[in-house]
Amino acid sequence: MEQTSLNLVAIAVFAMTLSALLSPVLNISPFIPAGTTFAILGLATLDSFSWGGKGLTLFLDVFTSSQQRQRIIHHEAGHFLAAYCLGIPVTGYTLTAWETFRKGEKAGIGGVQLDFSLLSDEEKISKNPLIIERTFTVLMAGIAAERIMYENVEGGEEDKQNLREIIRLLGLRADIYQQKESWALLQAKNLLLRHQTAYEGLVKLMEKRASVEDCQQLIQEKMS
């Protein structure tokens, strides 16, 4: 079951427990909170198995605060800038669950779409093994951006999972994950600090939903 659905189930169970305790005090029929809770659980289960959690993600996206949306933009701008600097093609980006849904992407609150096709070309990787290290740096750039801007990290679990999956697909040892993550995070942080002016300008453009081409042009201008 998707994490969003699990969170909603946990909330529903807590609400049912609390309402059972308060019902006698507030003179509320116990069937009302129980029925509501079971309805929520049923919808969560149906959404998880039928829609892969997209319905709940879209619903909760309506209640995302402006501060959280800003954090998402800063996170994704980190991915975008690192990808541009390290030669990983950016094919698009979304910043809300609704934008992601309209573009037909997988469920999520948004993200930068990257072209990792080079990772499937063994000949190019053998000639330039830095492709793998650059990919890891791009994946960790969102977390690095949050640490720089907010000093803490709320997102990035999917990025870490993607890094683990790439390590597995490339046949690398699983026990090197922590080493690769730490190294890539440090490289990403240094890259963002080195190009902070370009990063700040990119955040403002992405807020306006500028095209990928306009974002790339701004980065090029700021870096030159």
C-alpha atoms as a PDB file:
ATOM      1  CA  MET A   1       0.000   0.000   0.000  1.00  0.00           C
ATOM      2  CA  GLU A   2       1.276   3.515  -0.831  1.00  0.00           C
ATOM      3  CA  GLN A   3       2.728   5.557   2.062  1.00  0.00           C
ATOM      4  CA  THR A   4       0.035   8.211   1.610  1.00  0.00           C
ATOM      5  CA  SER A   5      -2.666   5.598   2.020  1.00  0.00           C
ATOM      6  CA  LEU A   6      -0.960   4.147   5.071  1.00  0.00           C
ATOM      7  CA  ASN A   7      -0.805   7.588   6.650  1.00  0.00           C
ATOM      8  CA  LEU A   8      -4.510   8.115   6.035  1.00  0.00           C
ATOM      9  CA  VAL A   9      -5.331   4.716   7.498  1.00  0.00           C
ATOM     10  CA  ALA A  10      -3.341   5.578  10.617  1.00  0.00           C
ATOM     11  CA  ILE A  11      -5.219   8.865  10.944  1.00  0.00           C
ATOM     12  CA  ALA A  12      -8.556   7.104  10.488  1.00  0.00           C
ATOM     13  CA  VAL A  13      -7.759   4.547  13.200  1.00  0.00           C
ATOM     14  CA  PHE A  14      -6.667   7.296  15.579  1.00  0.00           C
ATOM     15  CA  ALA A  15      -9.816   9.315  14.836  1.00  0.00           C
ATOM     16  CA  MET A  16     -12.016   6.284  15.464  1.00  0.00           C
ATOM     17  CA  THR A  17     -10.307   5.591  18.793  1.00  0.00           C
ATOM     18  CA  LEU A  18     -10.587   9.220  19.864  1.00  0.00           C
ATOM     19  CA  SER A  19     -14.233   9.491  18.812  1.00  0.00           C
ATOM     20  CA  ALA A  20     -15.087   6.298  20.704  1.00  0.00           C
ATOM     21  CA  LEU A  21     -13.710   7.875  23.852  1.00  0.00           C
ATOM     22  CA  LEU A  22     -15.454  11.216  23.321  1.00  0.00           C
ATOM     23  CA  SER A  23     -18.803   9.955  22.016  1.00  0.00           C
ATOM     24  CA  PRO A  24     -20.363   9.470  25.482  1.00  0.00           C
ATOM     25  CA  VAL A  25     -19.196  12.916  26.565  1.00  0.00           C
ATOM     26  CA  LEU A  26     -20.462  14.689  23.425  1.00  0.00           C
ATOM     27  CA  ASN A  27     -23.584  12.523  23.194  1.00  0.00           C
ATOM     28  CA  ILE A  28     -22.737  11.334  19.671  1.00  0.00           C
ATOM     29  CA  SER A  29     -23.899   8.003  18.355  1.00  0.00           C
ATOM     30  CA  PRO A  30     -20.885   5.670  18.056  1.00  0.00           C
ATOM     31  CA  PHE A  31     -22.171   4.506  14.659  1.00  0.00           C
ATOM     32  CA  ILE A  32     -21.411   7.914  13.084  1.00  0.00           C
ATOM     33  CA  PRO A  33     -17.613   8.045  13.679  1.00  0.00           C
ATOM     34  CA  ALA A  34     -17.350   4.281  13.098  1.00  0.00           C
ATOM     35  CA  GLY A  35     -19.158   4.511   9.764  1.00  0.00           C
ATOM     36  CA  THR A  36     -17.080   7.476   8.670  1.00  0.00           C
ATOM     37  CA  THR A  37     -13.852   5.728   9.612  1.00  0.00           C
ATOM     38  CA  PHE A  38     -14.722   2.534   7.753  1.00  0.00           C
ATOM     39  CA  ALA A  39     -15.663   4.612   4.703  1.00  0.00           C
ATOM     40  CA  ILE A  40     -12.254   6.316   4.767  1.00  0.00           C
ATOM     41  CA  LEU A  41     -10.482   2.980   5.160  1.00  0.00           C
ATOM     42  CA  GLY A  42     -12.468   1.540   2.263  1.00  0.00           C
ATOM     43  CA  LEU A  43     -11.654   4.449  -0.028  1.00  0.00           C
ATOM     44  CA  ALA A  44      -7.984   4.323   0.951  1.00  0.00           C
ATOM     45  CA  THR A  45      -7.802   0.612   0.149  1.00  0.00           C
ATOM     46  CA  LEU A  46      -9.658   1.019  -3.154  1.00  0.00           C
ATOM     47  CA  ASP A  47      -7.446   3.929  -4.186  1.00  0.00           C
ATOM     48  CA  SER A  48      -4.277   2.072  -3.279  1.00  0.00           C
ATOM     49  CA  PHE A  49      -5.120  -1.041  -5.311  1.00  0.00           C
ATOM     50  CA  SER A  50      -6.985   0.591  -8.211  1.00  0.00           C
ATOM     51  CA  TRP A  51      -5.184   3.903  -8.648  1.00  0.00           C
ATOM     52  CA  GLY A  52      -1.864   3.212  -6.988  1.00  0.00           C
ATOM     53  CA  GLY A  53      -2.516   5.945  -4.417  1.00  0.00           C
ATOM     54  CA  LYS A  54      -3.011   8.702  -6.988  1.00  0.00           C
ATOM     55  CA  GLY A  55      -6.445   9.694  -5.712  1.00  0.00           C
ATOM     56  CA  LEU A  56      -5.272  10.374  -2.171  1.00  0.00           C
ATOM     57  CA  THR A  57      -2.172  12.151  -3.411  1.00  0.00           C
ATOM     58  CA  LEU A  58      -4.307  14.470  -5.545  1.00  0.00           C
ATOM     59  CA  PHE A  59      -6.729  15.060  -2.686  1.00  0.00           C
ATOM     60  CA  LEU A  60      -4.013  15.889  -0.165  1.00  0.00           C
ATOM     61  CA  ASP A  61      -2.264  18.123  -2.696  1.00  0.00           C
ATOM     62  CA  VAL A  62      -5.137  20.607  -2.309  1.00  0.00           C
ATOM     63  CA  PHE A  63      -4.110  21.133   1.320  1.00  0.00           C
ATOM     64  CA  THR A  64      -0.387  21.577   0.678  1.00  0.00           C
ATOM     65  CA  SER A  65       0.791  24.805   2.309  1.00  0.00           C
ATOM     66  CA  SER A  66       2.588  27.564   0.411  1.00  0.00           C
ATOM     67  CA  GLN A  67       5.689  26.896   2.537  1.00  0.00           C
ATOM     68  CA  GLN A  68       5.688  23.241   1.533  1.00  0.00           C
ATOM     69  CA  ARG A  69       5.250  24.151  -2.137  1.00  0.00           C
ATOM     70  CA  GLN A  70       8.268  26.443  -1.877  1.00  0.00           C
ATOM     71  CA  ARG A  71      10.290  23.610  -0.396  1.00  0.00           C
ATOM     72  CA  ILE A  72       9.277  21.360  -3.299  1.00  0.00           C
ATOM     73  CA  ILE A  73      10.366  23.994  -5.832  1.00  0.00           C
ATOM     74  CA  HIS A  74      13.752  24.426  -4.118  1.00  0.00           C
ATOM     75  CA  HIS A  75      14.195  20.640  -4.014  1.00  0.00           C
ATOM     76  CA  GLU A  76      13.411  20.188  -7.706  1.00  0.00           C
ATOM     77  CA  ALA A  77      15.512  23.187  -8.738  1.00  0.00           C
ATOM     78  CA  GLY A  78      18.456  21.403  -7.111  1.00  0.00           C
ATOM     79  CA  HIS A  79      17.895  18.385  -9.359  1.00  0.00           C
ATOM     80  CA  PHE A  80      17.470  20.601 -12.422  1.00  0.00           C
ATOM     81  CA  LEU A  81      20.643  22.645 -11.907  1.00  0.00           C
ATOM     82  CA  ALA A  82      22.783  19.607 -11.108  1.00  0.00           C
ATOM     83  CA  ALA A  83      21.467  17.752 -14.152  1.00  0.00           C
ATOM     84  CA  TYR A  84      22.253  20.697 -16.425  1.00  0.00           C
ATOM     85  CA  CYS A  85      25.769  21.094 -15.028  1.00  0.00           C
ATOM     86  CA  LEU A  86      26.567  17.374 -15.212  1.00  0.00           C
ATOM     87  CA  GLY A  87      25.146  16.682 -18.654  1.00  0.00           C
ATOM     88  CA  ILE A  88      22.038  14.683 -17.692  1.00  0.00           C
ATOM     89  CA  PRO A  89      19.207  15.750 -20.062  1.00  0.00           C
ATOM     90  CA  VAL A  90      16.101  17.273 -18.442  1.00  0.00           C
ATOM     91  CA  THR A  91      12.937  16.418 -20.384  1.00  0.00           C
ATOM     92  CA  GLY A  92      10.404  18.239 -18.202  1.00  0.00           C
ATOM     93  CA  TYR A  93       9.282  18.983 -14.657  1.00  0.00           C
ATOM     94  CA  THR A  94       6.167  19.223 -12.512  1.00  0.00           C
ATOM     95  CA  LEU A  95       5.766  20.827  -9.089  1.00  0.00           C
ATOM     96  CA  THR A  96       2.371  19.607  -7.853  1.00  0.00           C
ATOM     97  CA  ALA A  97       0.474  16.336  -7.856  1.00  0.00           C
ATOM     98  CA  TRP A  98      -2.098  17.797 -10.266  1.00  0.00           C
ATOM     99  CA  GLU A  99       0.581  18.851 -12.759  1.00  0.00           C
ATOM    100  CA  THR A 100       2.068  15.364 -12.513  1.00  0.00           C
ATOM    101  CA  PHE A 101      -1.339  13.771 -13.075  1.00  0.00           C
ATOM    102  CA  ARG A 102      -2.139  15.948 -16.111  1.00  0.00           C
ATOM    103  CA  LYS A 103       1.180  15.014 -17.737  1.00  0.00           C
ATOM    104  CA  GLY A 104       0.462  11.333 -17.201  1.00  0.00           C
ATOM    105  CA  GLU A 105       3.454  10.789 -14.945  1.00  0.00           C
ATOM    106  CA  LYS A 106       3.445   8.345 -12.028  1.00  0.00           C
ATOM    107  CA  ALA A 107       1.829   9.397  -8.754  1.00  0.00           C
ATOM    108  CA  GLY A 108       3.768  11.994  -6.798  1.00  0.00           C
ATOM    109  CA  ILE A 109       3.867  15.595  -5.681  1.00  0.00           C
ATOM    110  CA  GLY A 110       6.034  16.617  -8.602  1.00  0.00           C
ATOM    111  CA  GLY A 111       9.533  16.154  -9.939  1.00  0.00           C
ATOM    112  CA  VAL A 112      12.133  16.807 -12.610  1.00  0.00           C
ATOM    113  CA  GLN A 113      11.999  14.270 -15.429  1.00  0.00           C
ATOM    114  CA  LEU A 114      15.497  13.143 -16.381  1.00  0.00           C
ATOM    115  CA  ASP A 115      16.838  11.077 -19.258  1.00  0.00           C
ATOM    116  CA  PHE A 116      18.961   8.295 -17.732  1.00  0.00           C
ATOM    117  CA  SER A 117      19.221   6.313 -20.961  1.00  0.00           C
ATOM    118  CA  LEU A 118      23.023   6.540 -20.850  1.00  0.00           C
ATOM    119  CA  LEU A 119      22.985   4.174 -17.885  1.00  0.00           C
ATOM    120  CA  SER A 120      21.758   1.400 -20.180  1.00  0.00           C
ATOM    121  CA  ASP A 121      24.675   1.879 -22.606  1.00  0.00           C
ATOM    122  CA  GLU A 122      27.437  -0.366 -21.235  1.00  0.00           C
ATOM    123  CA  GLU A 123      29.929   0.775 -23.874  1.00  0.00           C
ATOM    124  CA  LYS A 124      29.567   4.463 -22.944  1.00  0.00           C
ATOM    125  CA  ILE A 125      29.731   3.672 -19.238  1.00  0.00           C
ATOM    126  CA  SER A 126      32.914   1.658 -19.696  1.00  0.00           C
ATOM    127  CA  LYS A 127      34.472   4.573 -21.594  1.00  0.00           C
ATOM    128  CA  ASN A 128      33.213   7.162 -19.109  1.00  0.00           C
ATOM    129  CA  PRO A 129      32.460   5.649 -15.666  1.00  0.00           C
ATOM    130  CA  LEU A 130      31.875   9.171 -14.318  1.00  0.00           C
ATOM    131  CA  ILE A 131      28.385   8.938 -15.859  1.00  0.00           C
ATOM    132  CA  ILE A 132      27.343   6.833 -12.864  1.00  0.00           C
ATOM    133  CA  GLU A 133      28.832   9.228 -10.313  1.00  0.00           C
ATOM    134  CA  ARG A 134      27.192  12.213 -12.029  1.00  0.00           C
ATOM    135  CA  THR A 135      23.840  10.436 -11.974  1.00  0.00           C
ATOM    136  CA  PHE A 136      24.171   9.819  -8.229  1.00  0.00           C
ATOM    137  CA  THR A 137      25.011  13.493  -7.688  1.00  0.00           C
ATOM    138  CA  VAL A 138      21.917  14.596  -9.603  1.00  0.00           C
ATOM    139  CA  LEU A 139      19.738  12.255  -7.531  1.00  0.00           C
ATOM    140  CA  MET A 140      21.080  13.713  -4.270  1.00  0.00           C
ATOM    141  CA  ALA A 141      20.884  17.342  -5.415  1.00  0.00           C
ATOM    142  CA  GLY A 142      17.299  17.806  -4.195  1.00  0.00           C
ATOM    143  CA  ILE A 143      18.255  16.738  -0.673  1.00  0.00           C
ATOM    144  CA  ALA A 144      21.342  18.955  -0.842  1.00  0.00           C
ATOM    145  CA  ALA A 145      19.187  21.928  -1.860  1.00  0.00           C
ATOM    146  CA  GLU A 146      16.868  21.413   1.113  1.00  0.00           C
ATOM    147  CA  ARG A 147      19.816  21.233   3.513  1.00  0.00           C
ATOM    148  CA  ILE A 148      21.266  24.459   2.152  1.00  0.00           C
ATOM    149  CA  MET A 149      17.985  26.380   2.166  1.00  0.00           C
ATOM    150  CA  TYR A 150      16.218  24.911   5.213  1.00  0.00           C
ATOM    151  CA  GLU A 151      18.955  23.126   7.192  1.00  0.00           C
ATOM    152  CA  ASN A 152      16.737  20.030   7.341  1.00  0.00           C
ATOM    153  CA  VAL A 153      15.299  17.592   4.836  1.00  0.00           C
ATOM    154  CA  GLU A 154      11.688  16.488   4.414  1.00  0.00           C
ATOM    155  CA  GLY A 155      11.790  14.969   0.922  1.00  0.00           C
ATOM    156  CA  GLY A 156      14.158  12.743  -0.978  1.00  0.00           C
ATOM    157  CA  GLU A 157      13.128   9.212   0.008  1.00  0.00           C
ATOM    158  CA  GLU A 158      12.276   8.407  -3.603  1.00  0.00           C
ATOM    159  CA  ASP A 159      15.654   9.818  -4.686  1.00  0.00           C
ATOM    160  CA  LYS A 160      17.437   7.501  -2.249  1.00  0.00           C
ATOM    161  CA  GLN A 161      15.379   4.571  -3.469  1.00  0.00           C
ATOM    162  CA  ASN A 162      16.285   5.374  -7.089  1.00  0.00           C
ATOM    163  CA  LEU A 163      19.961   5.443  -6.130  1.00  0.00           C
ATOM    164  CA  ARG A 164      19.634   2.010  -4.495  1.00  0.00           C
ATOM    165  CA  GLU A 165      17.838   0.685  -7.570  1.00  0.00           C
ATOM    166  CA  ILE A 166      20.539   1.951  -9.943  1.00  0.00           C
ATOM    167  CA  ILE A 167      23.221   0.328  -7.769  1.00  0.00           C
ATOM    168  CA  ARG A 168      21.282  -2.939  -7.955  1.00  0.00           C
ATOM    169  CA  LEU A 169      20.716  -2.742 -11.734  1.00  0.00           C
ATOM    170  CA  LEU A 170      24.378  -2.011 -12.385  1.00  0.00           C
ATOM    171  CA  GLY A 171      25.382  -5.042 -10.337  1.00  0.00           C
ATOM    172  CA  LEU A 172      27.303  -2.989  -7.792  1.00  0.00           C
ATOM    173  CA  ARG A 173      27.692  -4.166  -4.195  1.00  0.00           C
ATOM    174  CA  ALA A 174      24.736  -3.160  -2.008  1.00  0.00           C
ATOM    175  CA  ASP A 175      27.020  -2.309   0.899  1.00  0.00           C
ATOM    176  CA  ILE A 176      28.511   0.666  -0.961  1.00  0.00           C
ATOM    177  CA  TYR A 177      25.177   2.499  -0.944  1.00  0.00           C
ATOM    178  CA  GLN A 178      25.891   4.668   2.107  1.00  0.00           C
ATOM    179  CA  GLN A 179      29.311   5.612   0.761  1.00  0.00           C
ATOM    180  CA  LYS A 180      27.879   6.558  -2.640  1.00  0.00           C
ATOM    181  CA  GLU A 181      25.030   8.539  -1.087  1.00  0.00           C
ATOM    182  CA  SER A 182      27.327  10.552   1.194  1.00  0.00           C
ATOM    183  CA  TRP A 183      29.783  11.272  -1.589  1.00  0.00           C
ATOM    184  CA  ALA A 184      27.063  12.311  -4.057  1.00  0.00           C
ATOM    185  CA  LEU A 185      25.387  14.510  -1.441  1.00  0.00           C
ATOM    186  CA  LEU A 186      28.651  16.338  -0.774  1.00  0.00           C
ATOM    187  CA  GLN A 187      29.294  16.827  -4.499  1.00  0.00           C
ATOM    188  CA  ALA A 188      25.756  18.121  -5.038  1.00  0.00           C
ATOM    189  CA  LYS A 189      26.012  20.567  -2.139  1.00  0.00           C
ATOM    190  CA  ASN A 190      29.306  21.960  -3.437  1.00  0.00           C
ATOM    191  CA  LEU A 191      27.851  22.309  -6.941  1.00  0.00           C
ATOM    192  CA  LEU A 192      24.791  24.241  -5.735  1.00  0.00           C
ATOM    193  CA  LEU A 193      26.878  26.554  -3.546  1.00  0.00           C
ATOM    194  CA  ARG A 194      29.273  27.176  -6.427  1.00  0.00           C
ATOM    195  CA  HIS A 195      26.390  28.196  -8.707  1.00  0.00           C
ATOM    196  CA  GLN A 196      24.112  29.787  -6.120  1.00  0.00           C
ATOM    197  CA  THR A 197      23.176  32.760  -8.316  1.00  0.00           C
ATOM    198  CA  ALA A 198      22.051  30.443 -11.106  1.00  0.00           C
ATOM    199  CA  TYR A 199      20.164  28.322  -8.568  1.00  0.00           C
ATOM    200  CA  GLU A 200      18.259  31.275  -7.116  1.00  0.00           C
ATOM    201  CA  GLY A 201      17.313  32.488 -10.594  1.00  0.00           C
ATOM    202  CA  LEU A 202      16.195  28.983 -11.550  1.00  0.00           C
ATOM    203  CA  VAL A 203      13.902  28.783  -8.508  1.00  0.00           C
ATOM    204  CA  LYS A 204      12.159  32.000  -9.569  1.00  0.00           C
ATOM    205  CA  LEU A 205      11.700  30.752 -13.139  1.00  0.00           C
ATOM    206  CA  MET A 206      10.354  27.391 -12.019  1.00  0.00           C
ATOM    207  CA  GLU A 207       7.862  29.187  -9.767  1.00  0.00           C
ATOM    208  CA  LYS A 208       6.479  30.722 -12.969  1.00  0.00           C
ATOM    209  CA  ARG A 209       6.487  27.288 -14.675  1.00  0.00           C
ATOM    210  CA  ALA A 210       8.930  28.465 -17.323  1.00  0.00           C
ATOM    211  CA  SER A 211       9.833  26.009 -20.068  1.00  0.00           C
ATOM    212  CA  VAL A 212      12.827  23.691 -19.760  1.00  0.00           C
ATOM    213  CA  GLU A 213      14.536  25.650 -22.533  1.00  0.00           C
ATOM    214  CA  ASP A 214      14.081  28.995 -20.739  1.00  0.00           C
ATOM    215  CA  CYS A 215      15.411  27.495 -17.511  1.00  0.00           C
ATOM    216  CA  GLN A 216      18.461  26.115 -19.286  1.00  0.00           C
ATOM    217  CA  GLN A 217      19.103  29.450 -20.974  1.00  0.00           C
ATOM    218  CA  LEU A 218      19.002  31.267 -17.640  1.00  0.00           C
ATOM    219  CA  ILE A 219      21.463  28.814 -16.092  1.00  0.00           C
ATOM    220  CA  GLN A 220      23.820  29.280 -19.014  1.00  0.00           C
ATOM    221  CA  GLU A 221      23.620  33.070 -18.733  1.00  0.00           C
ATOM    222  CA  LYS A 222      24.203  33.074 -14.973  1.00  0.00           C
ATOM    223  CA  MET A 223      27.113  30.679 -15.192  1.00  0.00           C
ATOM    224  CA  SER A 224      28.826  32.613 -17.957  1.00  0.00           C
END
